[in-house]
Amino acid sequence: MRKLLMTAALGLCVSSPAYAIDFINNLQVPNGTDLSGLPDGVNGNRLGGFGSDLIYDAASGTYYGMTDRGPGGGLLDYAPRIQQFKVTTDALTGAVSNFSLVSTIVFHQADGVTPFNGKNPGLLSGNVSNLGASLDSEGLVRLGNGNFLVSDEYGPSVYEFDAGGKFLRSFAVPGNLVPKDGVTVDYVNNRDIIDTGRQDNRGYEGLTLSPDGTKAYAILQDPLTEEGAQNDGRRSRNVRIVEYDVASGESTAQYVYQLESRDDINTRVPGNTFSATNQGRSIGASSIVMLPDGTMLVLERDNRGLGVDPTTMLPIGSKRLFQIDLTGASDFASTSLAGTNDLPAGFMPVSKSLFLDLQAAIEAAGLIVPEKIEGLAFGPWLADGGLSLLVITDNDFSVTQNGSGEQFDVCTSPNGLTREENTLDTPCSAGLLSIPTNIYAFKLSAAEAKALGFSAAVPEPATWAMMIGGFAIAGASLRRRKLAVKFA
């Protein structure tokens, strides 16, 4: 066990106050077979890719991990789904072990029979302007009634599903987020065609709920297409967080979260720096999680690390958790940032400070850092009053594909430097393994958990309001960590 309090001694670049968080261990989940009942195969019942988001249900002691649009990059059939699972958490150390799958929940349309599909709208519906049943699920929360809210990258959309995965309703999408070619909606094409709205494959990446369950917050992965210098989104740091009223499904505000500057990240990767156009494309937000005290955690990462694409094995610049606060932040719902990297005078982004350097913690444990660290959830309490925190990866099913849609299993050496692409379900060569789903266990000290507002139990955000009377955090006694304000 390595204390992150010792980062300076380890020579790691950490610019925030030392928080009482320990890295505990890494549990690797191999690709297998899920409980969907779908036909055998990578686009059927293969267990994998379920780390796009993660939530914990304290009542059942289970976790819910979610897939995105599946293997194939939106070109092949796949039914997006939730994998409910258990792990054993050692009450003394916080170490996790013994992964077991409990259920598989496939997202179905309103008829309760027809699954949603990861194919892009142009292929699935035959019309780039018709979102239809295309779903690229990325953010997940569970409401107090057991229903799920899911954020989607294609729209970008927020949908409500019942506990069995049946579609119930859509939330309203703010007009400035809808991708358009002029006045024509286009959910498929990239910046060469689209000139406003969310960037292609950069829609809602994370989703969370306010402590009382009345507000939902969806975060885009990257800036809007028209925002930033030269109007291509890729040079900007300014990512929108959209606030929704859960009851009505209407958006009520938009806030700006500023990605870490590539100039700062480049100091950590000399000789392998990120270009100006990487700022708002190769660096982005992957998850957002509400804390009981009303602040949030945002998982920010680059596109480097061990993954199915060999080009990602460049020196890693960023896999970090930031704590943010909306207090004092401006509402940008009616404000365009087209053509500029800067914010208008008097407008304030959300405040943020470094909470946990995931890359540093994983490397300090002697492990290889994966490309797609995408989900996190606070888990059970530990015997000494500490709190479990799990972080999960999206392993892309350890599958890649060529331009014609032919898929291959990816096998790598433990250090990721040797790799091969095999016909699906062909065993890996000696010394090589398919890329697993990685679950990393961290432990917050009792004092750290209390400082964030946790007390007595770890309910989901939608139930915090019902349990607030039992919290020892009400009123003026609620301590919110002071955050450093950083903005351009």
Protein backbone atom coordinates (compact mmCIF):
# COMPACT_ATOMS: atom_id res chain seq x y z
CA MET A 1 0.00 0.00 0.00
CA ARG A 2 1.39 3.37 -1.00
CA LYS A 3 0.27 6.59 0.59
CA LEU A 4 -0.49 9.31 -1.93
CA LEU A 5 0.63 11.67 0.81
CA MET A 6 4.14 10.60 -0.19
CA THR A 7 3.93 11.77 -3.78
CA ALA A 8 6.66 14.36 -3.40
CA ALA A 9 9.09 11.71 -2.15
CA LEU A 10 8.18 9.50 -5.11
CA GLY A 11 8.98 12.32 -7.50
CA LEU A 12 5.44 12.47 -8.89
CA CYS A 13 3.99 15.71 -10.21
CA VAL A 14 1.04 16.50 -7.97
CA SER A 15 0.06 20.12 -7.58
CA SER A 16 -2.83 19.83 -5.11
CA PRO A 17 -2.99 19.49 -1.34
CA ALA A 18 -2.29 15.96 -0.06
CA TYR A 19 -5.54 14.10 0.54
CA ALA A 20 -5.82 10.99 2.70
CA ILE A 21 -6.39 8.49 -0.12
CA ASP A 22 -4.54 5.18 -0.50
CA PHE A 23 -4.20 2.98 -3.57
CA ILE A 24 -5.06 -0.55 -2.40
CA ASN A 25 -5.08 -3.06 -5.26
CA ASN A 26 -6.05 -3.89 -8.84
CA LEU A 27 -8.63 -6.54 -9.81
CA GLN A 28 -8.52 -7.67 -13.44
CA VAL A 29 -11.71 -9.07 -14.98
CA PRO A 30 -11.09 -11.15 -18.13
CA ASN A 31 -13.44 -11.02 -21.08
CA GLY A 32 -16.08 -13.73 -20.76
CA THR A 33 -19.79 -14.34 -21.27
CA ASP A 34 -22.55 -12.20 -19.81
CA LEU A 35 -26.14 -13.03 -18.81
CA SER A 36 -27.90 -11.21 -21.65
CA GLY A 37 -29.10 -14.40 -23.34
CA LEU A 38 -28.00 -12.93 -26.68
CA PRO A 39 -26.17 -15.10 -29.23
CA ASP A 40 -22.56 -16.01 -28.59
CA GLY A 41 -19.99 -13.59 -29.89
CA VAL A 42 -18.32 -10.25 -29.38
CA ASN A 43 -21.40 -8.39 -30.65
CA GLY A 44 -23.70 -10.68 -28.68
CA ASN A 45 -22.97 -11.93 -25.18
CA ARG A 46 -19.29 -11.13 -24.61
CA LEU A 47 -18.65 -9.73 -21.12
CA GLY A 48 -16.43 -6.69 -21.49
CA GLY A 49 -16.49 -2.98 -22.11
CA PHE A 50 -18.68 -2.35 -19.05
CA GLY A 51 -16.54 0.38 -17.50
CA SER A 52 -18.03 3.40 -19.27
CA ASP A 53 -19.59 4.32 -15.94
CA LEU A 54 -20.03 2.80 -12.50
CA ILE A 55 -22.51 3.14 -9.64
CA TYR A 56 -22.83 1.37 -6.29
CA ASP A 57 -26.03 0.16 -4.63
CA ALA A 58 -25.38 -0.04 -0.89
CA ALA A 59 -28.67 -1.85 -0.20
CA SER A 60 -27.70 -4.88 -2.31
CA GLY A 61 -23.94 -4.50 -2.10
CA THR A 62 -23.73 -4.62 -5.90
CA TYR A 63 -22.24 -2.41 -8.58
CA TYR A 64 -23.69 -1.46 -11.96
CA GLY A 65 -21.21 -1.01 -14.79
CA MET A 66 -22.32 0.11 -18.24
CA THR A 67 -21.15 -0.43 -21.82
CA ASP A 68 -21.03 2.22 -24.49
CA ARG A 69 -22.09 1.57 -28.11
CA GLY A 70 -20.03 -1.61 -28.10
CA PRO A 71 -17.24 -3.01 -30.25
CA GLY A 72 -17.33 -1.71 -33.78
CA GLY A 73 -17.13 2.04 -33.28
CA GLY A 74 -20.77 2.60 -34.17
CA LEU A 75 -20.50 0.59 -37.41
CA LEU A 76 -21.79 -2.77 -36.15
CA ASP A 77 -24.82 -4.09 -34.30
CA TYR A 78 -24.55 -4.13 -30.53
CA ALA A 79 -27.17 -3.89 -27.78
CA PRO A 80 -25.86 -1.49 -25.07
CA ARG A 81 -26.34 -2.83 -21.55
CA ILE A 82 -25.66 -2.69 -17.83
CA GLN A 83 -23.70 -5.40 -16.02
CA GLN A 84 -24.67 -5.77 -12.36
CA PHE A 85 -21.87 -7.41 -10.40
CA LYS A 86 -20.41 -8.06 -6.98
CA VAL A 87 -16.87 -7.93 -5.69
CA THR A 88 -15.59 -8.93 -2.28
CA THR A 89 -14.20 -5.94 -0.38
CA ASP A 90 -11.85 -6.76 2.50
CA ALA A 91 -13.25 -4.81 5.45
CA LEU A 92 -9.79 -4.32 6.95
CA THR A 93 -7.73 -3.34 3.91
CA GLY A 94 -10.27 -2.30 1.27
CA ALA A 95 -8.79 -4.76 -1.26
CA VAL A 96 -11.25 -6.10 -3.84
CA SER A 97 -11.45 -9.64 -5.20
CA ASN A 98 -13.85 -12.31 -6.45
CA PHE A 99 -15.73 -10.61 -9.28
CA SER A 100 -19.10 -12.24 -9.91
CA LEU A 101 -21.76 -11.24 -12.42
CA VAL A 102 -25.27 -10.89 -10.96
CA SER A 103 -27.37 -9.82 -13.96
CA THR A 104 -27.23 -8.23 -17.41
CA ILE A 105 -29.75 -5.50 -18.22
CA VAL A 106 -30.15 -4.74 -21.94
CA PHE A 107 -31.58 -1.35 -22.89
CA HIS A 108 -34.88 -1.81 -24.74
CA GLN A 109 -37.14 0.60 -26.59
CA ALA A 110 -40.59 1.52 -25.27
CA ASP A 111 -42.06 -1.77 -26.51
CA GLY A 112 -39.86 -3.58 -23.99
CA VAL A 113 -38.78 -6.02 -26.70
CA THR A 114 -36.61 -4.26 -29.27
CA PRO A 115 -33.10 -3.43 -28.01
CA PHE A 116 -31.41 -0.09 -28.55
CA ASN A 117 -28.46 -0.37 -30.91
CA GLY A 118 -24.93 1.00 -30.87
CA LYS A 119 -24.91 1.58 -34.63
CA ASN A 120 -24.73 5.22 -35.61
CA PRO A 121 -28.01 6.79 -36.78
CA GLY A 122 -26.98 6.96 -40.42
CA LEU A 123 -26.53 3.20 -40.56
CA LEU A 124 -29.35 2.24 -38.22
CA SER A 125 -32.13 4.54 -39.38
CA GLY A 126 -30.72 5.45 -42.79
CA ASN A 127 -30.92 9.15 -41.97
CA VAL A 128 -28.20 11.18 -40.23
CA SER A 129 -30.91 13.51 -38.88
CA ASN A 130 -32.93 10.73 -37.25
CA LEU A 131 -31.47 9.63 -33.92
CA GLY A 132 -33.93 6.73 -33.75
CA ALA A 133 -32.85 3.82 -31.58
CA SER A 134 -29.11 4.54 -31.77
CA LEU A 135 -27.54 4.65 -28.30
CA ASP A 136 -24.00 5.37 -27.22
CA SER A 137 -24.50 5.09 -23.47
CA GLU A 138 -21.77 6.72 -21.36
CA GLY A 139 -23.15 8.12 -18.07
CA LEU A 140 -25.27 6.26 -15.52
CA VAL A 141 -27.17 7.08 -12.32
CA ARG A 142 -29.88 5.26 -10.40
CA LEU A 143 -32.94 7.11 -9.13
CA GLY A 144 -34.56 6.52 -5.76
CA ASN A 145 -37.34 4.48 -7.42
CA GLY A 146 -34.82 2.08 -8.99
CA ASN A 147 -35.00 3.57 -12.49
CA PHE A 148 -31.86 4.49 -14.39
CA LEU A 149 -30.90 7.76 -16.04
CA VAL A 150 -28.47 7.26 -18.92
CA SER A 151 -26.54 9.90 -20.84
CA ASP A 152 -25.75 9.30 -24.49
CA GLU A 153 -23.08 10.66 -26.83
CA TYR A 154 -25.02 10.50 -30.09
CA GLY A 155 -27.68 13.10 -29.20
CA PRO A 156 -26.36 14.18 -26.81
CA SER A 157 -29.31 12.76 -24.86
CA VAL A 158 -30.46 11.83 -21.37
CA TYR A 159 -32.92 8.94 -21.15
CA GLU A 160 -34.83 7.33 -18.31
CA PHE A 161 -35.17 3.54 -18.23
CA ASP A 162 -36.99 1.37 -15.73
CA ALA A 163 -35.09 -1.13 -13.55
CA GLY A 164 -35.36 -3.76 -16.29
CA GLY A 165 -33.93 -1.50 -18.99
CA LYS A 166 -37.19 -0.44 -20.71
CA PHE A 167 -37.21 3.08 -22.16
CA LEU A 168 -39.53 5.53 -20.37
CA ARG A 169 -38.73 9.08 -21.53
CA SER A 170 -36.19 11.50 -23.00
CA PHE A 171 -34.97 14.72 -21.45
CA ALA A 172 -34.95 17.90 -23.55
CA VAL A 173 -31.68 18.55 -25.40
CA PRO A 174 -30.51 22.20 -25.33
CA GLY A 175 -30.55 23.54 -28.87
CA ASN A 176 -26.93 24.72 -28.80
CA LEU A 177 -25.73 21.16 -28.16
CA VAL A 178 -27.52 19.53 -31.13
CA PRO A 179 -25.00 18.84 -33.94
CA LYS A 180 -25.92 20.67 -37.14
CA ASP A 181 -24.70 21.31 -40.65
CA GLY A 182 -26.09 24.80 -40.97
CA VAL A 183 -29.73 24.25 -40.00
CA THR A 184 -29.72 20.50 -40.76
CA VAL A 185 -29.35 18.16 -37.80
CA ASP A 186 -26.53 15.64 -38.34
CA TYR A 187 -25.82 13.03 -35.65
CA VAL A 188 -23.13 11.21 -37.62
CA ASN A 189 -20.60 13.34 -39.47
CA ASN A 190 -17.52 15.10 -38.12
CA ARG A 191 -16.28 18.68 -38.11
CA ASP A 192 -15.77 18.65 -41.88
CA ILE A 193 -19.58 18.65 -42.16
CA ILE A 194 -20.92 19.69 -38.74
CA ASP A 195 -20.37 23.32 -37.82
CA THR A 196 -22.28 23.70 -34.51
CA GLY A 197 -23.20 21.56 -31.52
CA ARG A 198 -21.38 18.73 -29.85
CA GLN A 199 -18.33 17.29 -31.61
CA ASP A 200 -18.71 13.83 -33.17
CA ASN A 201 -18.30 11.10 -30.52
CA ARG A 202 -17.92 13.83 -27.89
CA GLY A 203 -21.43 14.09 -26.47
CA TYR A 204 -22.55 13.49 -22.87
CA GLU A 205 -19.79 11.42 -21.31
CA GLY A 206 -20.83 11.59 -17.66
CA LEU A 207 -23.96 11.98 -15.56
CA THR A 208 -24.69 12.55 -11.88
CA LEU A 209 -27.47 13.64 -9.50
CA SER A 210 -27.72 16.39 -6.90
CA PRO A 211 -27.75 15.19 -3.26
CA ASP A 212 -31.54 15.61 -3.09
CA GLY A 213 -32.09 13.85 -6.42
CA THR A 214 -33.95 16.75 -8.03
CA LYS A 215 -31.21 17.86 -10.42
CA ALA A 216 -29.16 15.88 -12.93
CA TYR A 217 -25.83 17.08 -14.35
CA ALA A 218 -24.51 15.83 -17.68
CA ILE A 219 -21.00 16.69 -18.83
CA LEU A 220 -19.81 16.74 -22.44
CA GLN A 221 -16.54 15.02 -23.17
CA ASP A 222 -15.12 18.03 -25.02
CA PRO A 223 -16.02 21.57 -26.18
CA LEU A 224 -18.70 22.28 -28.78
CA THR A 225 -17.72 22.10 -32.46
CA GLU A 226 -17.80 25.86 -33.07
CA GLU A 227 -16.07 26.82 -29.84
CA GLY A 228 -12.43 27.75 -29.56
CA ALA A 229 -9.97 29.37 -31.92
CA GLN A 230 -10.61 28.54 -35.60
CA ASN A 231 -14.10 27.28 -34.71
CA ASP A 232 -13.33 23.57 -34.58
CA GLY A 233 -13.70 22.85 -30.85
CA ARG A 234 -10.34 21.14 -30.69
CA ARG A 235 -8.37 24.13 -29.43
CA SER A 236 -10.69 25.00 -26.54
CA ARG A 237 -10.61 23.96 -22.88
CA ASN A 238 -14.22 24.92 -22.19
CA VAL A 239 -16.50 21.93 -21.61
CA ARG A 240 -20.18 22.36 -20.76
CA ILE A 241 -21.96 20.83 -17.79
CA VAL A 242 -25.73 20.86 -18.37
CA GLU A 243 -28.08 21.02 -15.40
CA TYR A 244 -31.49 19.33 -15.71
CA ASP A 245 -34.61 19.36 -13.60
CA VAL A 246 -35.27 15.63 -13.13
CA ALA A 247 -39.04 15.95 -12.73
CA SER A 248 -39.60 17.90 -15.96
CA GLY A 249 -36.58 16.74 -17.95
CA GLU A 250 -35.88 20.36 -18.95
CA SER A 251 -32.42 21.91 -18.86
CA THR A 252 -32.09 24.74 -16.34
CA ALA A 253 -28.48 25.94 -16.71
CA GLN A 254 -25.13 25.35 -18.38
CA TYR A 255 -21.80 25.70 -16.64
CA VAL A 256 -18.27 25.65 -18.03
CA TYR A 257 -15.68 23.17 -16.79
CA GLN A 258 -12.18 23.99 -18.01
CA LEU A 259 -9.96 21.10 -18.98
CA GLU A 260 -6.40 21.15 -17.75
CA SER A 261 -4.27 23.22 -20.10
CA ARG A 262 -2.25 21.20 -22.59
CA ASP A 263 0.69 23.48 -21.74
CA ASP A 264 0.62 22.12 -18.19
CA ILE A 265 0.11 18.54 -19.38
CA ASN A 266 2.99 18.90 -21.86
CA THR A 267 5.42 19.59 -19.02
CA ARG A 268 4.77 15.97 -17.99
CA VAL A 269 5.42 14.49 -21.45
CA PRO A 270 8.52 16.24 -22.85
CA GLY A 271 9.23 15.16 -26.42
CA ASN A 272 5.75 13.68 -26.85
CA THR A 273 3.63 16.75 -26.40
CA PHE A 274 -0.01 17.39 -27.24
CA SER A 275 -0.64 19.74 -30.17
CA ALA A 276 -2.98 22.72 -30.13
CA THR A 277 -5.78 20.63 -31.69
CA ASN A 278 -5.37 17.92 -29.04
CA GLN A 279 -6.55 20.33 -26.31
CA GLY A 280 -10.26 19.84 -26.96
CA ARG A 281 -10.18 16.41 -28.56
CA SER A 282 -7.47 14.14 -27.13
CA ILE A 283 -8.02 15.46 -23.59
CA GLY A 284 -11.52 15.28 -22.15
CA ALA A 285 -13.92 14.53 -19.30
CA SER A 286 -14.95 10.89 -18.76
CA SER A 287 -17.12 10.88 -15.64
CA ILE A 288 -18.80 13.16 -13.12
CA VAL A 289 -19.85 12.10 -9.61
CA MET A 290 -21.75 14.11 -7.01
CA LEU A 291 -20.48 14.20 -3.42
CA PRO A 292 -22.78 14.53 -0.39
CA ASP A 293 -21.48 18.03 0.32
CA GLY A 294 -22.67 19.28 -3.10
CA THR A 295 -19.27 19.39 -4.78
CA MET A 296 -18.45 16.93 -7.56
CA LEU A 297 -15.60 14.86 -8.90
CA VAL A 298 -14.72 14.98 -12.59
CA LEU A 299 -12.53 12.32 -14.16
CA GLU A 300 -10.32 13.87 -16.80
CA ARG A 301 -8.08 11.86 -19.09
CA ASP A 302 -6.07 11.89 -22.28
CA ASN A 303 -6.31 9.23 -25.01
CA ARG A 304 -3.05 7.50 -24.18
CA GLY A 305 -2.27 4.27 -22.33
CA LEU A 306 -2.76 0.56 -22.87
CA GLY A 307 -5.72 0.02 -25.18
CA VAL A 308 -6.82 -1.67 -28.38
CA ASP A 309 -5.11 0.97 -30.55
CA PRO A 310 -1.29 0.74 -30.61
CA THR A 311 -0.98 4.49 -31.23
CA THR A 312 -2.16 5.17 -27.68
CA MET A 313 1.07 3.80 -26.17
CA LEU A 314 2.68 7.24 -26.02
CA PRO A 315 3.77 8.74 -22.68
CA ILE A 316 0.64 9.50 -20.67
CA GLY A 317 -0.08 13.07 -19.67
CA SER A 318 -3.30 12.96 -17.69
CA LYS A 319 -5.51 10.50 -15.81
CA ARG A 320 -6.80 12.65 -12.95
CA LEU A 321 -9.74 13.26 -10.66
CA PHE A 322 -10.63 16.89 -10.00
CA GLN A 323 -13.01 18.19 -7.34
CA ILE A 324 -15.26 20.94 -8.64
CA ASP A 325 -17.79 23.38 -7.17
CA LEU A 326 -20.58 25.15 -9.05
CA THR A 327 -20.85 27.84 -6.39
CA GLY A 328 -20.25 31.21 -8.02
CA ALA A 329 -20.04 29.74 -11.53
CA SER A 330 -21.82 31.58 -14.35
CA ASP A 331 -24.72 30.22 -16.38
CA PHE A 332 -23.55 29.90 -20.01
CA ALA A 333 -26.83 28.60 -21.44
CA SER A 334 -27.32 31.73 -23.56
CA THR A 335 -23.63 32.46 -24.15
CA SER A 336 -21.73 31.38 -27.24
CA LEU A 337 -17.99 30.77 -27.08
CA ALA A 338 -17.65 30.46 -30.84
CA GLY A 339 -14.24 31.38 -32.18
CA THR A 340 -12.55 31.97 -28.84
CA ASN A 341 -10.65 30.03 -26.21
CA ASP A 342 -11.42 32.67 -23.60
CA LEU A 343 -14.47 33.38 -21.47
CA PRO A 344 -16.33 36.70 -21.64
CA ALA A 345 -15.38 39.29 -19.06
CA GLY A 346 -17.15 38.64 -15.77
CA PHE A 347 -18.06 35.04 -16.59
CA MET A 348 -16.75 32.38 -14.21
CA PRO A 349 -16.16 28.68 -14.85
CA VAL A 350 -16.65 26.10 -12.12
CA SER A 351 -13.80 26.05 -9.61
CA LYS A 352 -11.62 22.95 -9.57
CA SER A 353 -8.67 21.45 -7.73
CA LEU A 354 -6.78 18.20 -8.08
CA PHE A 355 -8.31 15.47 -5.94
CA LEU A 356 -6.41 12.35 -7.04
CA ASP A 357 -3.73 11.70 -9.65
CA LEU A 358 -4.80 8.27 -10.88
CA GLN A 359 -1.87 7.88 -13.22
CA ALA A 360 0.62 8.55 -10.43
CA ALA A 361 -1.10 6.10 -8.08
CA ILE A 362 -1.25 3.29 -10.65
CA GLU A 363 2.35 3.79 -11.75
CA ALA A 364 3.55 3.96 -8.14
CA ALA A 365 2.01 0.50 -7.66
CA GLY A 366 4.14 -0.79 -10.54
CA LEU A 367 1.19 -1.20 -12.92
CA ILE A 368 0.67 -0.24 -16.55
CA VAL A 369 -1.81 2.61 -16.97
CA PRO A 370 -4.75 1.83 -19.29
CA GLU A 371 -6.07 4.25 -21.90
CA LYS A 372 -9.74 4.42 -20.91
CA ILE A 373 -10.26 5.01 -17.19
CA GLU A 374 -13.91 6.01 -17.35
CA GLY A 375 -15.99 5.21 -14.25
CA LEU A 376 -15.83 5.56 -10.47
CA ALA A 377 -18.05 4.90 -7.49
CA PHE A 378 -17.80 5.06 -3.73
CA GLY A 379 -18.37 1.63 -2.23
CA PRO A 380 -18.75 0.13 1.24
CA TRP A 381 -17.47 1.42 4.54
CA LEU A 382 -14.41 -0.26 6.00
CA ALA A 383 -13.77 -1.45 9.54
CA ASP A 384 -11.70 1.58 10.54
CA GLY A 385 -14.28 4.07 9.27
CA GLY A 386 -12.58 4.52 5.91
CA LEU A 387 -14.50 4.46 2.65
CA SER A 388 -13.93 2.36 -0.45
CA LEU A 389 -13.56 4.02 -3.86
CA LEU A 390 -13.50 1.93 -7.05
CA VAL A 391 -12.28 3.18 -10.42
CA ILE A 392 -13.00 1.13 -13.57
CA THR A 393 -11.78 0.96 -17.17
CA ASP A 394 -13.51 0.49 -20.50
CA ASN A 395 -11.39 -2.19 -22.22
CA ASP A 396 -13.28 -1.93 -25.56
CA PHE A 397 -13.91 -5.70 -25.25
CA SER A 398 -10.23 -6.12 -26.25
CA VAL A 399 -11.43 -5.89 -29.83
CA THR A 400 -10.47 -3.69 -32.77
CA GLN A 401 -11.81 -3.56 -36.33
CA ASN A 402 -10.69 -2.54 -39.79
CA GLY A 403 -12.40 -0.14 -42.16
CA SER A 404 -14.70 -2.81 -43.54
CA GLY A 405 -15.96 -3.76 -40.10
CA GLU A 406 -13.99 -7.00 -39.72
CA GLN A 407 -13.20 -7.47 -36.02
CA PHE A 408 -10.10 -8.86 -34.34
CA ASP A 409 -9.21 -9.84 -30.81
CA VAL A 410 -6.32 -7.79 -29.42
CA CYS A 411 -3.67 -9.55 -27.37
CA THR A 412 -0.82 -7.73 -25.64
CA SER A 413 2.12 -8.36 -23.37
CA PRO A 414 1.72 -7.15 -19.76
CA ASN A 415 3.66 -3.98 -20.59
CA GLY A 416 1.66 -3.39 -23.77
CA LEU A 417 4.75 -3.19 -25.97
CA THR A 418 4.05 -6.45 -27.83
CA ARG A 419 0.66 -6.97 -29.44
CA GLU A 420 -1.13 -9.08 -31.99
CA GLU A 421 -4.51 -9.00 -33.67
CA ASN A 422 -6.16 -12.39 -34.02
CA THR A 423 -9.28 -13.77 -35.62
CA LEU A 424 -12.07 -13.53 -33.01
CA ASP A 425 -11.92 -16.15 -30.27
CA THR A 426 -8.47 -17.34 -31.33
CA PRO A 427 -6.21 -17.98 -28.29
CA CYS A 428 -3.46 -15.46 -27.67
CA SER A 429 0.15 -16.46 -28.30
CA ALA A 430 2.28 -17.47 -25.34
CA GLY A 431 3.02 -14.53 -23.07
CA LEU A 432 0.18 -12.42 -24.46
CA LEU A 433 -3.27 -11.82 -22.99
CA SER A 434 -6.46 -10.08 -24.05
CA ILE A 435 -6.93 -6.68 -22.41
CA PRO A 436 -9.00 -7.09 -19.22
CA THR A 437 -11.39 -4.74 -17.47
CA ASN A 438 -9.37 -3.20 -14.65
CA ILE A 439 -10.97 -2.31 -11.32
CA TYR A 440 -8.76 -0.22 -9.04
CA ALA A 441 -9.52 -0.04 -5.32
CA PHE A 442 -8.71 3.09 -3.32
CA LYS A 443 -9.44 3.89 0.30
CA LEU A 444 -10.42 7.24 1.77
CA SER A 445 -9.55 7.72 5.42
CA ALA A 446 -12.41 8.22 7.87
CA ALA A 447 -11.51 11.90 8.17
CA GLU A 448 -11.39 12.33 4.39
CA ALA A 449 -14.78 10.67 3.93
CA LYS A 450 -16.29 12.87 6.63
CA ALA A 451 -14.79 15.97 5.04
CA LEU A 452 -16.65 15.15 1.82
CA GLY A 453 -19.94 14.79 3.69
CA PHE A 454 -20.17 11.01 3.87
CA SER A 455 -21.61 9.64 7.10
CA ALA A 456 -23.07 6.39 8.49
CA ALA A 457 -23.87 4.84 5.11
CA VAL A 458 -23.05 5.37 1.45
CA PRO A 459 -26.43 5.79 -0.26
CA GLU A 460 -26.82 6.70 -3.90
CA PRO A 461 -27.25 10.43 -4.59
CA ALA A 462 -31.02 10.16 -5.11
CA THR A 463 -31.45 8.86 -1.56
CA TRP A 464 -29.19 11.37 0.18
CA ALA A 465 -32.08 13.77 0.73
CA MET A 466 -34.11 11.09 2.49
CA MET A 467 -31.21 10.26 4.78
CA ILE A 468 -30.03 13.80 5.44
CA GLY A 469 -31.57 13.74 8.91
CA GLY A 470 -29.17 10.96 9.83
CA PHE A 471 -26.12 12.72 8.48
CA ALA A 472 -23.86 14.60 10.79
CA ILE A 473 -23.29 17.18 8.09
CA ALA A 474 -26.34 19.42 8.16
CA GLY A 475 -26.41 23.19 8.28
CA ALA A 476 -23.34 25.14 9.22
CA SER A 477 -21.53 21.99 10.31
CA LEU A 478 -21.27 20.89 6.68
CA ARG A 479 -17.65 21.41 5.70
CA ARG A 480 -16.99 21.94 2.03
CA ARG A 481 -13.41 21.69 0.92
CA LYS A 482 -12.10 25.04 -0.27
CA LEU A 483 -11.26 24.80 -3.96
CA ALA A 484 -8.70 26.74 -5.94
CA VAL A 485 -10.28 28.80 -8.71
CA LYS A 486 -8.49 28.30 -12.02
CA PHE A 487 -9.67 29.92 -15.23
CA ALA A 488 -8.34 31.54 -18.36
